[in-house]
């Protein structure tokens, strides 16, 4: 697979560092880590169906 020229390597590295910093703690909560921050919704899996649309298997996070 070819590298996407629209994706910044530096930006990707910064995002990886952020994910590691948040998820590498002893008290990391998987439900919180999987949530969508804008909606407090946790998406466990996103399925791509034959027509190209997507369906999320999700649960609501704590309020």
PDB file of N, CA and C in Angstrom:
ATOM      1  N   UNK A   1       0.845  -1.172   0.000  1.00  0.00           N
ATOM      2  CA  UNK A   1       0.000   0.000   0.000  1.00  0.00           C
ATOM      3  C   UNK A   1       0.896   1.243   0.000  1.00  0.00           C
ATOM      4  N   UNK A   2       0.609   2.140  -0.876  1.00  0.00           N
ATOM      5  CA  UNK A   2       1.407   3.366  -0.986  1.00  0.00           C
ATOM      6  C   UNK A   2       1.065   4.342   0.136  1.00  0.00           C
ATOM      7  N   UNK A   3       2.054   5.103   0.561  1.00  0.00           N
ATOM      8  CA  UNK A   3       1.839   6.122   1.582  1.00  0.00           C
ATOM      9  C   UNK A   3       0.955   7.230   1.033  1.00  0.00           C
ATOM     10  N   UNK A   4       0.008   7.680   1.844  1.00  0.00           N
ATOM     11  CA  UNK A   4      -0.889   8.769   1.457  1.00  0.00           C
ATOM     12  C   UNK A   4      -0.128  10.087   1.583  1.00  0.00           C
ATOM     13  N   UNK A   5       0.083  10.817   0.478  1.00  0.00           N
ATOM     14  CA  UNK A   5       0.846  12.069   0.548  1.00  0.00           C
ATOM     15  C   UNK A   5       0.128  13.162   1.340  1.00  0.00           C
ATOM     16  N   UNK A   6      -1.153  12.964   1.623  1.00  0.00           N
ATOM     17  CA  UNK A   6      -1.908  13.963   2.382  1.00  0.00           C
ATOM     18  C   UNK A   6      -1.807  13.767   3.889  1.00  0.00           C
ATOM     19  N   UNK A   7      -1.129  12.708   4.313  1.00  0.00           N
ATOM     20  CA  UNK A   7      -0.990  12.417   5.739  1.00  0.00           C
ATOM     21  C   UNK A   7       0.400  12.830   6.195  1.00  0.00           C
ATOM     22  N   UNK A   8       0.452  13.653   7.212  1.00  0.00           N
ATOM     23  CA  UNK A   8       1.718  14.141   7.757  1.00  0.00           C
ATOM     24  C   UNK A   8       2.337  13.092   8.665  1.00  0.00           C
ATOM     25  N   UNK A   9       3.576  12.714   8.377  1.00  0.00           N
ATOM     26  CA  UNK A   9       4.285  11.758   9.217  1.00  0.00           C
ATOM     27  C   UNK A   9       4.489  12.329  10.614  1.00  0.00           C
ATOM     28  N   UNK A  10       4.844  13.592  10.697  1.00  0.00           N
ATOM     29  CA  UNK A  10       5.046  14.237  12.000  1.00  0.00           C
ATOM     30  C   UNK A  10       3.738  14.273  12.782  1.00  0.00           C
ATOM     31  N   UNK A  11       2.654  14.586  12.101  1.00  0.00           N
ATOM     32  CA  UNK A  11       1.348  14.618  12.765  1.00  0.00           C
ATOM     33  C   UNK A  11       0.937  13.241  13.256  1.00  0.00           C
ATOM     34  N   UNK A  12       1.200  12.221  12.442  1.00  0.00           N
ATOM     35  CA  UNK A  12       0.874  10.849  12.831  1.00  0.00           C
ATOM     36  C   UNK A  12       1.694  10.424  14.041  1.00  0.00           C
ATOM     37  N   UNK A  13       2.969  10.759  14.049  1.00  0.00           N
ATOM     38  CA  UNK A  13       3.834  10.413  15.179  1.00  0.00           C
ATOM     39  C   UNK A  13       3.342  11.086  16.453  1.00  0.00           C
ATOM     40  N   UNK A  14       2.912  12.327  16.357  1.00  0.00           N
ATOM     41  CA  UNK A  14       2.388  13.043  17.525  1.00  0.00           C
ATOM     42  C   UNK A  14       1.112  12.378  18.032  1.00  0.00           C
ATOM     43  N   UNK A  15       0.258  11.936  17.116  1.00  0.00           N
ATOM     44  CA  UNK A  15      -0.982  11.257  17.522  1.00  0.00           C
ATOM     45  C   UNK A  15      -0.673   9.937  18.209  1.00  0.00           C
ATOM     46  N   UNK A  16       0.304   9.194  17.708  1.00  0.00           N
ATOM     47  CA  UNK A  16       0.689   7.933  18.335  1.00  0.00           C
ATOM     48  C   UNK A  16       1.221   8.188  19.738  1.00  0.00           C
ATOM     49  N   UNK A  17       2.062   9.217  19.906  1.00  0.00           N
ATOM     50  CA  UNK A  17       2.583   9.552  21.239  1.00  0.00           C
ATOM     51  C   UNK A  17       1.440   9.901  22.196  1.00  0.00           C
ATOM     52  N   UNK A  18       0.442  10.622  21.703  1.00  0.00           N
ATOM     53  CA  UNK A  18      -0.697  11.000  22.540  1.00  0.00           C
ATOM     54  C   UNK A  18      -1.495   9.761  22.958  1.00  0.00           C
ATOM     55  N   UNK A  19      -1.747   8.856  22.029  1.00  0.00           N
ATOM     56  CA  UNK A  19      -2.492   7.630  22.340  1.00  0.00           C
ATOM     57  C   UNK A  19      -1.735   6.800  23.370  1.00  0.00           C
ATOM     58  N   UNK A  20      -0.430   6.667  23.205  1.00  0.00           N
ATOM     59  CA  UNK A  20       0.373   5.892  24.147  1.00  0.00           C
ATOM     60  C   UNK A  20       0.348   6.543  25.522  1.00  0.00           C
ATOM     61  N   UNK A  21       0.470   7.851  25.586  1.00  0.00           N
ATOM     62  CA  UNK A  21       0.464   8.554  26.873  1.00  0.00           C
ATOM     63  C   UNK A  21      -0.848   8.355  27.615  1.00  0.00           C
ATOM     64  N   UNK A  22      -1.954   8.341  26.886  1.00  0.00           N
ATOM     65  CA  UNK A  22      -3.272   8.195  27.514  1.00  0.00           C
ATOM     66  C   UNK A  22      -3.575   6.745  27.858  1.00  0.00           C
ATOM     67  N   UNK A  23      -3.201   5.818  26.984  1.00  0.00           N
ATOM     68  CA  UNK A  23      -3.616   4.421  27.170  1.00  0.00           C
ATOM     69  C   UNK A  23      -2.621   3.561  27.932  1.00  0.00           C
ATOM     70  N   UNK A  24      -1.437   4.057  28.188  1.00  0.00           N
ATOM     71  CA  UNK A  24      -0.414   3.246  28.846  1.00  0.00           C
ATOM     72  C   UNK A  24      -0.415   3.405  30.361  1.00  0.00           C
ATOM     73  N   UNK A  25      -1.485   3.918  30.923  1.00  0.00           N
ATOM     74  CA  UNK A  25      -1.559   4.081  32.369  1.00  0.00           C
ATOM     75  C   UNK A  25      -2.239   2.874  33.004  1.00  0.00           C
ATOM     76  N   UNK A  26      -1.945   2.625  34.253  1.00  0.00           N
ATOM     77  CA  UNK A  26      -2.512   1.471  34.957  1.00  0.00           C
ATOM     78  C   UNK A  26      -4.025   1.571  35.097  1.00  0.00           C
ATOM     79  N   UNK A  27      -4.555   2.800  35.136  1.00  0.00           N
ATOM     80  CA  UNK A  27      -5.993   2.963  35.335  1.00  0.00           C
ATOM     81  C   UNK A  27      -6.739   3.301  34.036  1.00  0.00           C
ATOM     82  N   UNK A  28      -6.143   2.978  32.903  1.00  0.00           N
ATOM     83  CA  UNK A  28      -6.801   3.253  31.613  1.00  0.00           C
ATOM     84  C   UNK A  28      -8.117   2.486  31.545  1.00  0.00           C
ATOM     85  N   UNK A  29      -9.177   3.160  31.112  1.00  0.00           N
ATOM     86  CA  UNK A  29     -10.516   2.586  31.025  1.00  0.00           C
ATOM     87  C   UNK A  29     -10.838   2.316  29.554  1.00  0.00           C
ATOM     88  N   UNK A  30     -10.950   1.051  29.145  1.00  0.00           N
ATOM     89  CA  UNK A  30     -11.207   0.752  27.734  1.00  0.00           C
ATOM     90  C   UNK A  30     -12.443   1.445  27.177  1.00  0.00           C
ATOM     91  N   UNK A  31     -13.512   1.531  27.943  1.00  0.00           N
ATOM     92  CA  UNK A  31     -14.730   2.197  27.461  1.00  0.00           C
ATOM     93  C   UNK A  31     -14.455   3.674  27.174  1.00  0.00           C
ATOM     94  N   UNK A  32     -13.695   4.325  28.039  1.00  0.00           N
ATOM     95  CA  UNK A  32     -13.376   5.735  27.827  1.00  0.00           C
ATOM     96  C   UNK A  32     -12.460   5.896  26.613  1.00  0.00           C
ATOM     97  N   UNK A  33     -11.501   4.973  26.461  1.00  0.00           N
ATOM     98  CA  UNK A  33     -10.566   5.052  25.344  1.00  0.00           C
ATOM     99  C   UNK A  33     -11.243   4.836  23.997  1.00  0.00           C
ATOM    100  N   UNK A  34     -12.325   4.042  23.947  1.00  0.00           N
ATOM    101  CA  UNK A  34     -13.016   3.750  22.692  1.00  0.00           C
ATOM    102  C   UNK A  34     -14.088   4.768  22.328  1.00  0.00           C
ATOM    103  N   UNK A  35     -14.437   5.650  23.241  1.00  0.00           N
ATOM    104  CA  UNK A  35     -15.552   6.568  22.996  1.00  0.00           C
ATOM    105  C   UNK A  35     -15.215   7.573  21.902  1.00  0.00           C
ATOM    106  N   UNK A  36     -16.234   8.163  21.357  1.00  0.00           N
ATOM    107  CA  UNK A  36     -16.065   9.284  20.431  1.00  0.00           C
ATOM    108  C   UNK A  36     -16.169  10.541  21.284  1.00  0.00           C
ATOM    109  N   UNK A  37     -15.085  11.279  21.436  1.00  0.00           N
ATOM    110  CA  UNK A  37     -15.082  12.419  22.367  1.00  0.00           C
ATOM    111  C   UNK A  37     -16.210  13.419  22.134  1.00  0.00           C
ATOM    112  N   UNK A  38     -16.594  13.622  20.896  1.00  0.00           N
ATOM    113  CA  UNK A  38     -17.631  14.616  20.617  1.00  0.00           C
ATOM    114  C   UNK A  38     -19.016  14.169  21.045  1.00  0.00           C
ATOM    115  N   UNK A  39     -19.213  12.863  21.248  1.00  0.00           N
ATOM    116  CA  UNK A  39     -20.551  12.404  21.616  1.00  0.00           C
ATOM    117  C   UNK A  39     -20.558  11.489  22.834  1.00  0.00           C
ATOM    118  N   UNK A  40     -19.386  11.233  23.411  1.00  0.00           N
ATOM    119  CA  UNK A  40     -19.264  10.326  24.557  1.00  0.00           C
ATOM    120  C   UNK A  40     -19.784   8.935  24.207  1.00  0.00           C
ATOM    121  N   UNK A  41     -19.633   8.557  22.940  1.00  0.00           N
ATOM    122  CA  UNK A  41     -20.121   7.269  22.448  1.00  0.00           C
ATOM    123  C   UNK A  41     -18.920   6.377  22.159  1.00  0.00           C
ATOM    124  N   UNK A  42     -18.948   5.166  22.664  1.00  0.00           N
ATOM    125  CA  UNK A  42     -17.848   4.237  22.439  1.00  0.00           C
ATOM    126  C   UNK A  42     -18.165   3.334  21.250  1.00  0.00           C
ATOM    127  N   UNK A  43     -17.278   3.298  20.290  1.00  0.00           N
ATOM    128  CA  UNK A  43     -17.447   2.447  19.118  1.00  0.00           C
ATOM    129  C   UNK A  43     -16.496   1.271  19.258  1.00  0.00           C
ATOM    130  N   UNK A  44     -17.069   0.074  19.360  1.00  0.00           N
ATOM    131  CA  UNK A  44     -16.246  -1.120  19.486  1.00  0.00           C
ATOM    132  C   UNK A  44     -15.716  -1.554  18.121  1.00  0.00           C
ATOM    133  N   UNK A  45     -16.582  -1.541  17.114  1.00  0.00           N
ATOM    134  CA  UNK A  45     -16.203  -1.939  15.760  1.00  0.00           C
ATOM    135  C   UNK A  45     -16.982  -1.113  14.756  1.00  0.00           C
ATOM    136  N   UNK A  46     -16.372  -0.826  13.626  1.00  0.00           N
ATOM    137  CA  UNK A  46     -17.071  -0.214  12.496  1.00  0.00           C
ATOM    138  C   UNK A  46     -17.024  -1.220  11.362  1.00  0.00           C
ATOM    139  N   UNK A  47     -18.196  -1.611  10.892  1.00  0.00           N
ATOM    140  CA  UNK A  47     -18.299  -2.563   9.799  1.00  0.00           C
ATOM    141  C   UNK A  47     -18.567  -1.814   8.503  1.00  0.00           C
ATOM    142  N   UNK A  48     -17.909  -2.225   7.437  1.00  0.00           N
ATOM    143  CA  UNK A  48     -18.166  -1.672   6.107  1.00  0.00           C
ATOM    144  C   UNK A  48     -19.007  -2.704   5.369  1.00  0.00           C
ATOM    145  N   UNK A  49     -20.207  -2.291   4.984  1.00  0.00           N
ATOM    146  CA  UNK A  49     -21.131  -3.204   4.314  1.00  0.00           C
ATOM    147  C   UNK A  49     -20.916  -3.153   2.804  1.00  0.00           C
ATOM    148  N   UNK A  50     -21.451  -4.134   2.074  1.00  0.00           N
ATOM    149  CA  UNK A  50     -21.171  -4.223   0.637  1.00  0.00           C
ATOM    150  C   UNK A  50     -21.426  -2.950  -0.175  1.00  0.00           C
ATOM    151  N   UNK A  51     -22.388  -2.126   0.242  1.00  0.00           N
ATOM    152  CA  UNK A  51     -22.641  -0.906  -0.537  1.00  0.00           C
ATOM    153  C   UNK A  51     -21.667   0.223  -0.210  1.00  0.00           C
ATOM    154  N   UNK A  52     -20.709  -0.041   0.697  1.00  0.00           N
ATOM    155  CA  UNK A  52     -19.703   0.955   1.043  1.00  0.00           C
ATOM    156  C   UNK A  52     -20.050   1.798   2.254  1.00  0.00           C
ATOM    157  N   UNK A  53     -21.279   1.707   2.732  1.00  0.00           N
ATOM    158  CA  UNK A  53     -21.640   2.468   3.924  1.00  0.00           C
ATOM    159  C   UNK A  53     -21.087   1.757   5.159  1.00  0.00           C
ATOM    160  N   UNK A  54     -21.128   2.421   6.295  1.00  0.00           N
ATOM    161  CA  UNK A  54     -20.599   1.835   7.517  1.00  0.00           C
ATOM    162  C   UNK A  54     -21.678   1.726   8.590  1.00  0.00           C
ATOM    163  N   UNK A  55     -21.486   0.765   9.467  1.00  0.00           N
ATOM    164  CA  UNK A  55     -22.377   0.553  10.601  1.00  0.00           C
ATOM    165  C   UNK A  55     -21.498   0.390  11.817  1.00  0.00           C
ATOM    166  N   UNK A  56     -21.762   1.153  12.876  1.00  0.00           N
ATOM    167  CA  UNK A  56     -20.988   1.061  14.102  1.00  0.00           C
ATOM    168  C   UNK A  56     -21.662   0.134  15.109  1.00  0.00           C
ATOM    169  N   UNK A  57     -20.853  -0.723  15.721  1.00  0.00           N
ATOM    170  CA  UNK A  57     -21.284  -1.472  16.885  1.00  0.00           C
ATOM    171  C   UNK A  57     -20.772  -0.646  18.055  1.00  0.00           C
ATOM    172  N   UNK A  58     -21.682  -0.013  18.785  1.00  0.00           N
ATOM    173  CA  UNK A  58     -21.274   0.985  19.769  1.00  0.00           C
ATOM    174  C   UNK A  58     -22.090   0.856  21.056  1.00  0.00           C
ATOM    175  N   UNK A  59     -21.608   1.496  22.092  1.00  0.00           N
ATOM    176  CA  UNK A  59     -22.346   1.632  23.326  1.00  0.00           C
ATOM    177  C   UNK A  59     -22.107   3.023  23.879  1.00  0.00           C
ATOM    178  N   UNK A  60     -23.051   3.507  24.643  1.00  0.00           N
ATOM    179  CA  UNK A  60     -22.934   4.854  25.205  1.00  0.00           C
ATOM    180  C   UNK A  60     -22.037   4.824  26.430  1.00  0.00           C
ATOM    181  N   UNK A  61     -21.188   5.826  26.533  1.00  0.00           N
ATOM    182  CA  UNK A  61     -20.282   5.928  27.667  1.00  0.00           C
ATOM    183  C   UNK A  61     -20.978   6.537  28.864  1.00  0.00           C
ATOM    184  N   UNK A  62     -20.256   6.695  29.952  1.00  0.00           N
ATOM    185  CA  UNK A  62     -20.847   7.293  31.150  1.00  0.00           C
ATOM    186  C   UNK A  62     -21.241   8.737  30.905  1.00  0.00           C
ATOM    187  N   UNK A  63     -22.273   9.160  31.572  1.00  0.00           N
ATOM    188  CA  UNK A  63     -22.740  10.547  31.419  1.00  0.00           C
ATOM    189  C   UNK A  63     -22.258  11.397  32.551  1.00  0.00           C
TER     190      UNK A  63
END
